[in-house]
Amino acid sequence: MTLLEKTSVSPYPLTEDRSMAIRESLRNAIIDRRLAPGTKLSEAEVGALFDVSRTVARAALQMLTFEGLVKTERNRGAFVSNPTPEEARQIFASRRLIEPGIVAAAAERITPKDIARFREQLVEEERYMNERGPAARRAEIKASGDFHLMLASVAGNAILQRFMDELVARSSLVIALYGRSGVSSCGHSEHFAILDLIERGDARRAADLMLHHIDHIEADLDLQPKQGVALKDALATG
């Protein structure tokens, strides 16, 4: 069974619903690194695996291309994105511009029920942090991203929420690709601290901590250029 086969879902009755379902399934597989950067995503294979036409498969891939998770190359087809270090820096620069405003808006709208839901989410995130293995690592990255998406949802701005959905998805791919092993992908204790400040209505300090938090996430990435070696050196046995 191929990686793509593991992502298949039952066909939906409407073409748009089918494309959306395929997009969601492939999106999750990309973020979870079940589909590695650079993997070819042919319309024919996607269509066959999901039992849809190439037109429906193409629409799903176009959605992912718009989100930056898939890149389409002329005469070659679609591939899972392989973000460069510079693209990674731009993603986090964008988050620095957007997320302090989301925090400020969320602080004005958050309810006790929202706070309880956030705390349940943070408990789940902590559980994944205490587990070992690639699956737990992927789940931790997703749970960390979900905290930021929940803030965007509470902020009540649908446009910013869509931006954050894309930024968090692309961040998750970057973290999975460049994150240092053995170190939390996203400062878990800072999530608690940001939530505490929001709950107290201290939007300014919460926004400042969010900026520090994003710096922390990016600092956990290994974005330094790698120095290649000659082929004969790479293959030397000593």
C-alpha atoms as a PDB file:
ATOM      1  CA  MET A   1       0.000   0.000   0.000  1.00  0.00           C
ATOM      2  CA  THR A   2       1.349   3.415  -0.970  1.00  0.00           C
ATOM      3  CA  LEU A   3       1.312   6.513   1.215  1.00  0.00           C
ATOM      4  CA  LEU A   4      -1.432   7.960  -0.962  1.00  0.00           C
ATOM      5  CA  GLU A   5      -3.578   4.865  -0.514  1.00  0.00           C
ATOM      6  CA  LYS A   6      -3.512   5.398   3.228  1.00  0.00           C
ATOM      7  CA  THR A   7      -5.098   8.826   2.776  1.00  0.00           C
ATOM      8  CA  SER A   8      -8.084   7.758   0.654  1.00  0.00           C
ATOM      9  CA  VAL A   9     -11.654   8.504   1.731  1.00  0.00           C
ATOM     10  CA  SER A  10     -15.106   7.460   0.541  1.00  0.00           C
ATOM     11  CA  PRO A  11     -16.437   9.408  -2.468  1.00  0.00           C
ATOM     12  CA  TYR A  12     -18.771  12.330  -1.734  1.00  0.00           C
ATOM     13  CA  PRO A  13     -21.966  12.874  -3.788  1.00  0.00           C
ATOM     14  CA  LEU A  14     -21.043  16.346  -5.079  1.00  0.00           C
ATOM     15  CA  THR A  15     -17.959  17.241  -7.110  1.00  0.00           C
ATOM     16  CA  GLU A  16     -17.033  20.177  -4.862  1.00  0.00           C
ATOM     17  CA  ASP A  17     -17.462  18.056  -1.739  1.00  0.00           C
ATOM     18  CA  ARG A  18     -15.239  15.382  -3.263  1.00  0.00           C
ATOM     19  CA  SER A  19     -12.507  17.885  -4.079  1.00  0.00           C
ATOM     20  CA  MET A  20     -12.678  19.349  -0.576  1.00  0.00           C
ATOM     21  CA  ALA A  21     -12.504  15.899   1.026  1.00  0.00           C
ATOM     22  CA  ILE A  22      -9.476  14.943  -1.077  1.00  0.00           C
ATOM     23  CA  ARG A  23      -7.820  18.277  -0.304  1.00  0.00           C
ATOM     24  CA  GLU A  24      -8.339  17.711   3.429  1.00  0.00           C
ATOM     25  CA  SER A  25      -7.021  14.152   3.338  1.00  0.00           C
ATOM     26  CA  LEU A  26      -3.916  15.088   1.327  1.00  0.00           C
ATOM     27  CA  ARG A  27      -3.386  18.198   3.443  1.00  0.00           C
ATOM     28  CA  ASN A  28      -3.322  16.139   6.637  1.00  0.00           C
ATOM     29  CA  ALA A  29      -0.935  13.626   5.077  1.00  0.00           C
ATOM     30  CA  ILE A  30       1.426  16.437   4.006  1.00  0.00           C
ATOM     31  CA  ILE A  31       1.402  18.166   7.391  1.00  0.00           C
ATOM     32  CA  ASP A  32       1.888  14.825   9.156  1.00  0.00           C
ATOM     33  CA  ARG A  33       4.870  14.101   6.846  1.00  0.00           C
ATOM     34  CA  ARG A  34       3.243  10.875   5.650  1.00  0.00           C
ATOM     35  CA  LEU A  35       3.705  12.478   2.251  1.00  0.00           C
ATOM     36  CA  ALA A  36       7.264  13.748   2.232  1.00  0.00           C
ATOM     37  CA  PRO A  37       8.369  17.011   0.586  1.00  0.00           C
ATOM     38  CA  GLY A  38       9.001  16.439  -3.097  1.00  0.00           C
ATOM     39  CA  THR A  39       6.519  13.554  -3.460  1.00  0.00           C
ATOM     40  CA  LYS A  40       4.851  13.610  -6.884  1.00  0.00           C
ATOM     41  CA  LEU A  41       1.062  13.903  -6.815  1.00  0.00           C
ATOM     42  CA  SER A  42      -0.217  12.939 -10.254  1.00  0.00           C
ATOM     43  CA  GLU A  43      -3.818  13.726 -11.105  1.00  0.00           C
ATOM     44  CA  ALA A  44      -4.282  10.219 -12.483  1.00  0.00           C
ATOM     45  CA  GLU A  45      -3.058   8.480  -9.313  1.00  0.00           C
ATOM     46  CA  VAL A  46      -4.987  10.783  -6.985  1.00  0.00           C
ATOM     47  CA  GLY A  47      -8.119  10.302  -9.077  1.00  0.00           C
ATOM     48  CA  ALA A  48      -7.750   6.503  -9.081  1.00  0.00           C
ATOM     49  CA  LEU A  49      -7.074   6.258  -5.344  1.00  0.00           C
ATOM     50  CA  PHE A  50     -10.062   8.408  -4.433  1.00  0.00           C
ATOM     51  CA  ASP A  51     -12.281   7.006  -7.208  1.00  0.00           C
ATOM     52  CA  VAL A  52     -12.870  10.391  -8.823  1.00  0.00           C
ATOM     53  CA  SER A  53     -12.195  11.971 -12.203  1.00  0.00           C
ATOM     54  CA  ARG A  54      -8.945  13.745 -12.992  1.00  0.00           C
ATOM     55  CA  THR A  55     -10.937  16.995 -13.026  1.00  0.00           C
ATOM     56  CA  VAL A  56     -11.950  16.503  -9.392  1.00  0.00           C
ATOM     57  CA  ALA A  57      -8.408  15.483  -8.438  1.00  0.00           C
ATOM     58  CA  ARG A  58      -7.016  18.544 -10.234  1.00  0.00           C
ATOM     59  CA  ALA A  59      -9.344  20.839  -8.283  1.00  0.00           C
ATOM     60  CA  ALA A  60      -8.110  19.369  -4.987  1.00  0.00           C
ATOM     61  CA  LEU A  61      -4.475  19.812  -5.993  1.00  0.00           C
ATOM     62  CA  GLN A  62      -5.173  23.399  -7.069  1.00  0.00           C
ATOM     63  CA  MET A  63      -6.555  24.137  -3.579  1.00  0.00           C
ATOM     64  CA  LEU A  64      -3.368  22.793  -2.020  1.00  0.00           C
ATOM     65  CA  THR A  65      -1.273  24.795  -4.484  1.00  0.00           C
ATOM     66  CA  PHE A  66      -3.110  27.953  -3.435  1.00  0.00           C
ATOM     67  CA  GLU A  67      -2.289  27.140   0.206  1.00  0.00           C
ATOM     68  CA  GLY A  68       1.391  26.650  -0.599  1.00  0.00           C
ATOM     69  CA  LEU A  69       1.456  22.974   0.375  1.00  0.00           C
ATOM     70  CA  VAL A  70       1.772  21.774  -3.217  1.00  0.00           C
ATOM     71  CA  LYS A  71       3.850  23.213  -6.049  1.00  0.00           C
ATOM     72  CA  THR A  72       2.944  22.722  -9.684  1.00  0.00           C
ATOM     73  CA  GLU A  73       5.735  22.678 -12.253  1.00  0.00           C
ATOM     74  CA  ARG A  74       5.122  23.137 -15.948  1.00  0.00           C
ATOM     75  CA  ASN A  75       5.299  19.870 -17.889  1.00  0.00           C
ATOM     76  CA  ARG A  76       6.164  17.971 -14.693  1.00  0.00           C
ATOM     77  CA  GLY A  77       3.009  18.069 -12.580  1.00  0.00           C
ATOM     78  CA  ALA A  78       2.288  18.613  -8.893  1.00  0.00           C
ATOM     79  CA  PHE A  79       4.642  17.881  -5.992  1.00  0.00           C
ATOM     80  CA  VAL A  80       4.472  18.255  -2.216  1.00  0.00           C
ATOM     81  CA  SER A  81       6.161  21.558  -1.383  1.00  0.00           C
ATOM     82  CA  ASN A  82       9.705  21.511  -0.118  1.00  0.00           C
ATOM     83  CA  PRO A  83      10.009  24.953   1.537  1.00  0.00           C
ATOM     84  CA  THR A  84      13.408  26.616   1.438  1.00  0.00           C
ATOM     85  CA  PRO A  85      14.957  28.205   4.560  1.00  0.00           C
ATOM     86  CA  GLU A  86      14.087  31.651   3.142  1.00  0.00           C
ATOM     87  CA  GLU A  87      10.445  30.632   2.642  1.00  0.00           C
ATOM     88  CA  ALA A  88      10.417  29.370   6.218  1.00  0.00           C
ATOM     89  CA  ARG A  89      11.664  32.749   7.468  1.00  0.00           C
ATOM     90  CA  GLN A  90       8.989  34.542   5.459  1.00  0.00           C
ATOM     91  CA  ILE A  91       6.274  32.344   6.940  1.00  0.00           C
ATOM     92  CA  PHE A  92       7.301  33.261  10.484  1.00  0.00           C
ATOM     93  CA  ALA A  93       7.746  36.933   9.561  1.00  0.00           C
ATOM     94  CA  SER A  94       4.125  36.870   8.378  1.00  0.00           C
ATOM     95  CA  ARG A  95       3.001  35.316  11.637  1.00  0.00           C
ATOM     96  CA  ARG A  96       4.734  38.090  13.598  1.00  0.00           C
ATOM     97  CA  LEU A  97       2.679  40.631  11.691  1.00  0.00           C
ATOM     98  CA  ILE A  98      -0.653  38.872  12.160  1.00  0.00           C
ATOM     99  CA  GLU A  99      -0.747  37.006  15.463  1.00  0.00           C
ATOM    100  CA  PRO A 100      -0.355  39.885  17.957  1.00  0.00           C
ATOM    101  CA  GLY A 101      -3.509  41.403  16.460  1.00  0.00           C
ATOM    102  CA  ILE A 102      -5.297  38.060  16.720  1.00  0.00           C
ATOM    103  CA  VAL A 103      -4.333  37.828  20.387  1.00  0.00           C
ATOM    104  CA  ALA A 104      -5.657  41.345  21.063  1.00  0.00           C
ATOM    105  CA  ALA A 105      -8.964  40.568  19.347  1.00  0.00           C
ATOM    106  CA  ALA A 106      -9.277  37.212  21.111  1.00  0.00           C
ATOM    107  CA  ALA A 107      -8.723  38.875  24.501  1.00  0.00           C
ATOM    108  CA  GLU A 108     -11.788  41.051  23.881  1.00  0.00           C
ATOM    109  CA  ARG A 109     -14.071  38.186  22.845  1.00  0.00           C
ATOM    110  CA  ILE A 110     -12.959  35.126  24.803  1.00  0.00           C
ATOM    111  CA  THR A 111     -15.489  33.502  27.156  1.00  0.00           C
ATOM    112  CA  PRO A 112     -15.084  31.169  30.153  1.00  0.00           C
ATOM    113  CA  LYS A 113     -16.313  28.341  27.920  1.00  0.00           C
ATOM    114  CA  ASP A 114     -13.554  29.158  25.419  1.00  0.00           C
ATOM    115  CA  ILE A 115     -10.965  29.158  28.225  1.00  0.00           C
ATOM    116  CA  ALA A 116     -12.078  25.687  29.307  1.00  0.00           C
ATOM    117  CA  ARG A 117     -11.798  24.441  25.728  1.00  0.00           C
ATOM    118  CA  PHE A 118      -8.282  25.898  25.418  1.00  0.00           C
ATOM    119  CA  ARG A 119      -7.171  24.190  28.620  1.00  0.00           C
ATOM    120  CA  GLU A 120      -8.446  20.837  27.356  1.00  0.00           C
ATOM    121  CA  GLN A 121      -6.446  21.397  24.182  1.00  0.00           C
ATOM    122  CA  LEU A 122      -3.277  22.189  26.152  1.00  0.00           C
ATOM    123  CA  VAL A 123      -3.670  19.009  28.200  1.00  0.00           C
ATOM    124  CA  GLU A 124      -3.839  17.029  24.958  1.00  0.00           C
ATOM    125  CA  GLU A 125      -0.759  18.835  23.632  1.00  0.00           C
ATOM    126  CA  GLU A 126       1.136  18.001  26.820  1.00  0.00           C
ATOM    127  CA  ARG A 127       0.215  14.339  26.482  1.00  0.00           C
ATOM    128  CA  TYR A 128       1.799  14.163  23.033  1.00  0.00           C
ATOM    129  CA  MET A 129       4.921  15.930  24.313  1.00  0.00           C
ATOM    130  CA  ASN A 130       5.405  13.167  26.871  1.00  0.00           C
ATOM    131  CA  GLU A 131       5.169  10.423  24.262  1.00  0.00           C
ATOM    132  CA  ARG A 132       7.966   9.196  22.000  1.00  0.00           C
ATOM    133  CA  GLY A 133       8.202   8.361  18.327  1.00  0.00           C
ATOM    134  CA  PRO A 134       7.423   9.967  14.955  1.00  0.00           C
ATOM    135  CA  ALA A 135       3.646   9.653  15.357  1.00  0.00           C
ATOM    136  CA  ALA A 136       3.720  11.498  18.675  1.00  0.00           C
ATOM    137  CA  ARG A 137       5.998  14.150  17.177  1.00  0.00           C
ATOM    138  CA  ARG A 138       3.532  14.740  14.337  1.00  0.00           C
ATOM    139  CA  ALA A 139       0.625  14.877  16.769  1.00  0.00           C
ATOM    140  CA  GLU A 140       2.493  17.381  18.951  1.00  0.00           C
ATOM    141  CA  ILE A 141       3.150  19.648  15.967  1.00  0.00           C
ATOM    142  CA  LYS A 142      -0.527  19.508  15.014  1.00  0.00           C
ATOM    143  CA  ALA A 143      -1.711  20.177  18.572  1.00  0.00           C
ATOM    144  CA  SER A 144       0.653  23.141  18.830  1.00  0.00           C
ATOM    145  CA  GLY A 145      -0.721  24.580  15.605  1.00  0.00           C
ATOM    146  CA  ASP A 146      -4.290  23.995  16.756  1.00  0.00           C
ATOM    147  CA  PHE A 147      -3.732  26.341  19.716  1.00  0.00           C
ATOM    148  CA  HIS A 148      -2.963  29.190  17.311  1.00  0.00           C
ATOM    149  CA  LEU A 149      -5.912  28.311  15.069  1.00  0.00           C
ATOM    150  CA  MET A 150      -8.251  28.323  18.066  1.00  0.00           C
ATOM    151  CA  LEU A 151      -7.085  31.837  18.938  1.00  0.00           C
ATOM    152  CA  ALA A 152      -7.818  32.944  15.380  1.00  0.00           C
ATOM    153  CA  SER A 153     -11.282  31.425  15.623  1.00  0.00           C
ATOM    154  CA  VAL A 154     -12.056  33.218  18.903  1.00  0.00           C
ATOM    155  CA  ALA A 155     -10.791  36.513  17.430  1.00  0.00           C
ATOM    156  CA  GLY A 156     -13.827  36.431  15.151  1.00  0.00           C
ATOM    157  CA  ASN A 157     -12.206  37.658  11.913  1.00  0.00           C
ATOM    158  CA  ALA A 158     -12.931  35.141   9.159  1.00  0.00           C
ATOM    159  CA  ILE A 159     -10.351  36.610   6.779  1.00  0.00           C
ATOM    160  CA  LEU A 160      -7.537  36.433   9.338  1.00  0.00           C
ATOM    161  CA  GLN A 161      -8.671  32.945  10.273  1.00  0.00           C
ATOM    162  CA  ARG A 162      -8.186  31.824   6.660  1.00  0.00           C
ATOM    163  CA  PHE A 163      -4.730  33.424   6.589  1.00  0.00           C
ATOM    164  CA  MET A 164      -3.801  31.645   9.807  1.00  0.00           C
ATOM    165  CA  ASP A 165      -5.082  28.326   8.513  1.00  0.00           C
ATOM    166  CA  GLU A 166      -2.615  28.591   5.640  1.00  0.00           C
ATOM    167  CA  LEU A 167       0.251  29.939   7.757  1.00  0.00           C
ATOM    168  CA  VAL A 168      -0.115  27.246  10.418  1.00  0.00           C
ATOM    169  CA  ALA A 169      -0.299  24.516   7.776  1.00  0.00           C
ATOM    170  CA  ARG A 170       2.859  25.798   6.107  1.00  0.00           C
ATOM    171  CA  SER A 171       4.535  26.298   9.501  1.00  0.00           C
ATOM    172  CA  SER A 172       3.764  22.696  10.423  1.00  0.00           C
ATOM    173  CA  LEU A 173       5.465  21.490   7.246  1.00  0.00           C
ATOM    174  CA  VAL A 174       8.480  23.709   7.974  1.00  0.00           C
ATOM    175  CA  ILE A 175       8.682  22.512  11.593  1.00  0.00           C
ATOM    176  CA  ALA A 176       8.476  18.881  10.529  1.00  0.00           C
ATOM    177  CA  LEU A 177      11.191  19.472   7.936  1.00  0.00           C
ATOM    178  CA  TYR A 178      13.599  21.726   9.844  1.00  0.00           C
ATOM    179  CA  GLY A 179      12.722  21.268  13.530  1.00  0.00           C
ATOM    180  CA  ARG A 180      15.490  19.966  15.741  1.00  0.00           C
ATOM    181  CA  SER A 181      14.737  16.538  17.152  1.00  0.00           C
ATOM    182  CA  GLY A 182      14.128  16.184  20.852  1.00  0.00           C
ATOM    183  CA  VAL A 183      13.042  19.807  21.328  1.00  0.00           C
ATOM    184  CA  SER A 184       9.423  20.924  21.552  1.00  0.00           C
ATOM    185  CA  SER A 185       8.240  22.390  18.257  1.00  0.00           C
ATOM    186  CA  CYS A 186       6.344  25.109  20.052  1.00  0.00           C
ATOM    187  CA  GLY A 187       6.949  26.324  23.601  1.00  0.00           C
ATOM    188  CA  HIS A 188       4.175  24.538  25.456  1.00  0.00           C
ATOM    189  CA  SER A 189       4.578  26.540  28.663  1.00  0.00           C
ATOM    190  CA  GLU A 190       4.229  29.728  26.618  1.00  0.00           C
ATOM    191  CA  HIS A 191       0.829  28.566  25.398  1.00  0.00           C
ATOM    192  CA  PHE A 192      -0.301  28.362  29.026  1.00  0.00           C
ATOM    193  CA  ALA A 193       1.176  31.786  29.789  1.00  0.00           C
ATOM    194  CA  ILE A 194      -0.468  33.419  26.759  1.00  0.00           C
ATOM    195  CA  LEU A 195      -3.813  31.923  27.719  1.00  0.00           C
ATOM    196  CA  ASP A 196      -3.453  33.120  31.328  1.00  0.00           C
ATOM    197  CA  LEU A 197      -2.754  36.686  30.155  1.00  0.00           C
ATOM    198  CA  ILE A 198      -5.714  36.621  27.782  1.00  0.00           C
ATOM    199  CA  GLU A 199      -7.951  35.307  30.549  1.00  0.00           C
ATOM    200  CA  ARG A 200      -6.851  38.223  32.762  1.00  0.00           C
ATOM    201  CA  GLY A 201      -7.560  40.680  29.957  1.00  0.00           C
ATOM    202  CA  ASP A 202      -3.913  41.743  29.596  1.00  0.00           C
ATOM    203  CA  ALA A 203      -3.938  41.911  25.804  1.00  0.00           C
ATOM    204  CA  ARG A 204      -0.733  43.942  25.490  1.00  0.00           C
ATOM    205  CA  ARG A 205       1.439  41.521  27.442  1.00  0.00           C
ATOM    206  CA  ALA A 206      -0.236  38.561  25.744  1.00  0.00           C
ATOM    207  CA  ALA A 207       0.602  40.040  22.321  1.00  0.00           C
ATOM    208  CA  ASP A 208       4.193  40.695  23.407  1.00  0.00           C
ATOM    209  CA  LEU A 209       4.523  37.120  24.630  1.00  0.00           C
ATOM    210  CA  MET A 210       3.096  35.851  21.351  1.00  0.00           C
ATOM    211  CA  LEU A 211       5.892  37.637  19.481  1.00  0.00           C
ATOM    212  CA  HIS A 212       8.464  36.071  21.820  1.00  0.00           C
ATOM    213  CA  HIS A 213       6.739  32.733  21.330  1.00  0.00           C
ATOM    214  CA  ILE A 214       6.981  32.916  17.527  1.00  0.00           C
ATOM    215  CA  ASP A 215      10.668  33.816  17.891  1.00  0.00           C
ATOM    216  CA  HIS A 216      11.037  30.699  20.052  1.00  0.00           C
ATOM    217  CA  ILE A 217       9.410  28.493  17.414  1.00  0.00           C
ATOM    218  CA  GLU A 218      11.667  29.820  14.670  1.00  0.00           C
ATOM    219  CA  ALA A 219      14.771  29.539  16.861  1.00  0.00           C
ATOM    220  CA  ASP A 220      14.038  25.808  17.189  1.00  0.00           C
ATOM    221  CA  LEU A 221      14.503  25.400  13.427  1.00  0.00           C
ATOM    222  CA  ASP A 222      17.796  24.494  11.793  1.00  0.00           C
ATOM    223  CA  LEU A 223      17.718  26.932   8.863  1.00  0.00           C
ATOM    224  CA  GLN A 224      21.449  27.313   8.391  1.00  0.00           C
ATOM    225  CA  PRO A 225      22.854  26.494   4.924  1.00  0.00           C
ATOM    226  CA  LYS A 226      24.393  23.061   4.751  1.00  0.00           C
ATOM    227  CA  GLN A 227      27.876  22.672   3.306  1.00  0.00           C
ATOM    228  CA  GLY A 228      27.911  19.868   0.789  1.00  0.00           C
ATOM    229  CA  VAL A 229      30.803  17.477   0.297  1.00  0.00           C
ATOM    230  CA  ALA A 230      32.274  15.914  -2.802  1.00  0.00           C
ATOM    231  CA  LEU A 231      30.776  12.617  -3.972  1.00  0.00           C
ATOM    232  CA  LYS A 232      33.990  10.698  -3.290  1.00  0.00           C
ATOM    233  CA  ASP A 233      34.052  12.096   0.271  1.00  0.00           C
ATOM    234  CA  ALA A 234      30.392  11.266   0.874  1.00  0.00           C
ATOM    235  CA  LEU A 235      30.973   7.676  -0.226  1.00  0.00           C
ATOM    236  CA  ALA A 236      34.312   7.216   1.563  1.00  0.00           C
ATOM    237  CA  THR A 237      34.319   4.334   4.020  1.00  0.00           C
ATOM    238  CA  GLY A 238      37.367   5.550   5.882  1.00  0.00           C
END
